Amino acid sequence: MRSEAAELAILIDIASHGFAAWLWYGGVLAKSAETAFEDGRNRLRQDSGLGTWSDAVVAVLEEEVVGVSVSYGIDASILEIEPKHPVLAPLLALQREVVGHWFIDSLGVYRAHRGKGIGGALLENEFIRAGEAQVSLITESHNEKAQALYKRNGFEEVTRARAVPPFEDSRKHDWVLFTRKVA
């Protein structure tokens, strides 16, 4: 729901280990928001575009939002998109590898609720949403817990791209593209 946009922004930022907030800081620089999270909330509240509230599914436990997945189909229009910043170039290159796939943009669960099967349940829901399409996602090479979850759920590593760090002291890593083939 659109009313959950602020909660979605927090969980998406957790899922991205702060990368989403770095992206959303552009709204602060453009003076369209006071904080990165306000920009993220504003973006998630939009009715059109990829990765907005309508592409999100929340996991609720005891009337509390505890996790989220955000996904959409990747079509050939991605081939025309130019990265707005060098940091985005390797991510865009990997997404171009999976035109026609269902793409999980974000999957995040609050730390206090991890290990309860919520991530797996969100993935199962994504497989249903994907229909006949293959399902792909990108994660960081050092995110071993997420990679273990994806492998347990039938994903295989397809390729990697060296991440361009947003800051000089950013942790060096690769972006890893995983795909789950339709059974």
Protein backbone atom coordinates (compact mmCIF):
# COMPACT_ATOMS: atom_id res chain seq x y z
CA MET A 1 0.00 0.00 0.00
CA ARG A 2 1.12 3.53 -0.70
CA SER A 3 0.69 4.32 3.02
CA GLU A 4 3.56 1.89 3.79
CA ALA A 5 6.08 3.83 1.66
CA ALA A 6 8.17 4.99 4.63
CA GLU A 7 8.41 1.41 5.97
CA LEU A 8 9.30 0.21 2.47
CA ALA A 9 12.09 2.80 2.27
CA ILE A 10 13.63 1.55 5.52
CA LEU A 11 13.50 -2.11 4.47
CA ILE A 12 14.83 -1.39 0.98
CA ASP A 13 17.73 0.51 2.49
CA ILE A 14 18.42 -2.41 4.86
CA ALA A 15 18.31 -4.81 1.91
CA SER A 16 20.78 -2.66 -0.02
CA HIS A 17 23.10 -2.06 2.96
CA GLY A 18 22.66 1.71 2.61
CA PHE A 19 22.96 1.87 -1.18
CA ALA A 20 19.34 3.00 -1.58
CA ALA A 21 19.89 5.93 0.80
CA TRP A 22 22.97 6.90 -1.23
CA LEU A 23 20.81 6.95 -4.37
CA TRP A 24 18.02 8.86 -2.68
CA TYR A 25 20.42 11.51 -1.45
CA GLY A 26 20.13 12.91 -4.97
CA GLY A 27 16.75 14.26 -3.89
CA VAL A 28 18.41 16.24 -1.12
CA LEU A 29 20.95 17.64 -3.56
CA ALA A 30 18.13 18.55 -5.96
CA LYS A 31 16.27 20.18 -3.03
CA SER A 32 13.17 18.02 -3.55
CA ALA A 33 13.54 16.40 -0.12
CA GLU A 34 14.98 17.21 3.30
CA THR A 35 16.54 13.76 3.77
CA ALA A 36 17.42 10.74 1.65
CA PHE A 37 14.63 8.75 3.30
CA GLU A 38 12.07 11.42 2.46
CA ASP A 39 13.16 11.17 -1.19
CA GLY A 40 12.94 7.37 -1.00
CA ARG A 41 9.47 7.59 0.51
CA ASN A 42 8.41 10.07 -2.17
CA ARG A 43 9.70 7.78 -4.94
CA LEU A 44 8.01 4.72 -3.45
CA ARG A 45 4.68 6.59 -3.18
CA GLN A 46 4.55 7.19 -6.94
CA ASP A 47 1.92 5.36 -8.97
CA SER A 48 4.12 4.75 -12.00
CA GLY A 49 7.67 3.61 -12.62
CA LEU A 50 9.58 0.51 -11.58
CA GLY A 51 10.16 -0.23 -7.93
CA THR A 52 7.29 1.81 -6.52
CA TRP A 53 4.78 0.79 -3.85
CA SER A 54 2.72 -1.20 -6.35
CA ASP A 55 5.73 -3.49 -7.05
CA ALA A 56 6.19 -4.23 -3.34
CA VAL A 57 4.92 -7.09 -1.22
CA VAL A 58 5.21 -6.79 2.55
CA ALA A 59 5.51 -9.59 5.08
CA VAL A 60 3.46 -8.97 8.20
CA LEU A 61 3.90 -10.78 11.50
CA GLU A 62 1.62 -10.02 14.44
CA GLU A 63 0.31 -6.86 12.72
CA GLU A 64 3.84 -5.52 12.13
CA VAL A 65 5.61 -5.12 8.79
CA VAL A 66 8.74 -7.28 9.10
CA GLY A 67 9.95 -7.70 5.52
CA VAL A 68 9.53 -6.65 1.91
CA SER A 69 10.21 -7.78 -1.61
CA VAL A 70 10.10 -5.41 -4.57
CA SER A 71 10.03 -6.89 -8.05
CA TYR A 72 8.98 -6.36 -11.65
CA GLY A 73 9.50 -7.70 -15.14
CA ILE A 74 12.54 -6.47 -17.06
CA ASP A 75 11.71 -5.65 -20.66
CA ALA A 76 13.80 -4.50 -23.62
CA SER A 77 13.43 -0.83 -22.60
CA ILE A 78 16.31 -1.40 -20.16
CA LEU A 79 18.63 -1.61 -23.16
CA GLU A 80 17.96 2.10 -23.83
CA ILE A 81 18.63 3.35 -20.30
CA GLU A 82 21.89 5.20 -19.72
CA PRO A 83 23.30 5.10 -16.18
CA LYS A 84 22.98 8.46 -14.43
CA HIS A 85 26.12 7.78 -12.38
CA PRO A 86 29.13 5.45 -12.90
CA VAL A 87 28.15 3.53 -9.75
CA LEU A 88 25.00 2.37 -11.54
CA ALA A 89 26.72 1.14 -14.73
CA PRO A 90 27.61 -2.40 -13.54
CA LEU A 91 24.13 -2.93 -12.07
CA LEU A 92 22.50 -1.82 -15.30
CA ALA A 93 24.84 -4.07 -17.31
CA LEU A 94 23.77 -7.07 -15.22
CA GLN A 95 20.08 -6.23 -15.56
CA ARG A 96 20.52 -6.09 -19.33
CA GLU A 97 21.54 -9.76 -19.15
CA VAL A 98 18.08 -10.75 -17.92
CA VAL A 99 15.62 -9.08 -20.30
CA GLY A 100 12.38 -11.05 -20.09
CA HIS A 101 13.02 -12.19 -16.52
CA TRP A 102 11.11 -11.35 -13.36
CA PHE A 103 13.57 -9.25 -11.36
CA ILE A 104 13.67 -9.07 -7.57
CA ASP A 105 15.00 -5.57 -6.99
CA SER A 106 14.97 -5.75 -3.19
CA LEU A 107 14.34 -8.37 -0.55
CA GLY A 108 14.78 -7.30 3.05
CA VAL A 109 13.78 -8.49 6.50
CA TYR A 110 14.39 -6.67 9.76
CA ARG A 111 17.30 -8.27 11.63
CA ALA A 112 15.09 -9.16 14.62
CA HIS A 113 12.89 -11.28 12.33
CA ARG A 114 15.54 -13.08 10.30
CA GLY A 115 15.79 -16.85 10.58
CA LYS A 116 12.01 -17.24 10.82
CA GLY A 117 11.40 -18.19 7.17
CA ILE A 118 10.19 -14.74 6.14
CA GLY A 119 12.79 -14.29 3.37
CA GLY A 120 11.95 -17.73 1.99
CA ALA A 121 8.23 -16.96 2.09
CA LEU A 122 8.81 -13.69 0.23
CA LEU A 123 10.83 -15.58 -2.40
CA GLU A 124 8.08 -18.20 -2.78
CA ASN A 125 5.61 -15.38 -3.37
CA GLU A 126 7.92 -13.91 -6.02
CA PHE A 127 8.02 -17.26 -7.84
CA ILE A 128 4.22 -17.16 -8.03
CA ARG A 129 4.26 -13.54 -9.22
CA ALA A 130 6.82 -14.44 -11.90
CA GLY A 131 4.52 -16.98 -13.54
CA GLU A 132 6.43 -18.68 -16.38
CA ALA A 133 9.33 -16.20 -16.33
CA GLN A 134 12.77 -16.94 -14.96
CA VAL A 135 13.51 -15.06 -11.75
CA SER A 136 16.73 -13.07 -11.28
CA LEU A 137 18.25 -10.81 -8.66
CA ILE A 138 21.53 -9.08 -7.86
CA THR A 139 23.34 -9.13 -4.53
CA GLU A 140 26.73 -8.16 -3.15
CA SER A 141 29.53 -10.74 -3.27
CA HIS A 142 30.11 -10.42 0.48
CA ASN A 143 26.44 -10.99 1.39
CA GLU A 144 26.91 -14.68 2.18
CA LYS A 145 23.68 -15.11 4.17
CA ALA A 146 21.56 -13.79 1.31
CA GLN A 147 23.45 -15.93 -1.20
CA ALA A 148 22.83 -19.02 0.94
CA LEU A 149 19.09 -18.22 1.00
CA TYR A 150 19.02 -17.78 -2.77
CA LYS A 151 20.93 -21.02 -3.41
CA ARG A 152 18.59 -22.95 -1.07
CA ASN A 153 15.73 -21.64 -3.21
CA GLY A 154 17.11 -22.78 -6.55
CA PHE A 155 19.12 -19.74 -7.67
CA GLU A 156 22.47 -20.14 -9.39
CA GLU A 157 25.17 -17.56 -9.93
CA VAL A 158 25.20 -16.43 -13.57
CA THR A 159 27.88 -13.74 -13.66
CA ARG A 160 29.53 -10.94 -11.72
CA ALA A 161 30.45 -7.32 -12.32
CA ARG A 162 32.94 -5.28 -10.33
CA ALA A 163 31.08 -2.68 -8.26
CA VAL A 164 32.06 0.96 -8.65
CA PRO A 165 32.31 2.26 -5.07
CA PRO A 166 30.20 5.34 -4.27
CA PHE A 167 32.86 6.55 -1.81
CA GLU A 168 36.64 6.10 -1.63
CA ASP A 169 36.40 4.08 1.58
CA SER A 170 33.47 1.93 0.42
CA ARG A 171 33.83 -1.81 0.82
CA LYS A 172 35.14 -3.34 -2.39
CA HIS A 173 32.89 -6.04 -3.84
CA ASP A 174 31.32 -7.50 -6.95
CA TRP A 175 27.66 -7.40 -7.87
CA VAL A 176 26.50 -11.00 -8.35
CA LEU A 177 23.66 -11.89 -10.72
CA PHE A 178 21.62 -14.94 -9.66
CA THR A 179 18.92 -16.62 -11.74
CA ARG A 180 16.40 -19.31 -10.84
CA LYS A 181 15.28 -21.30 -13.82
CA VAL A 182 11.63 -22.27 -14.12
CA ALA A 183 11.17 -25.90 -13.08
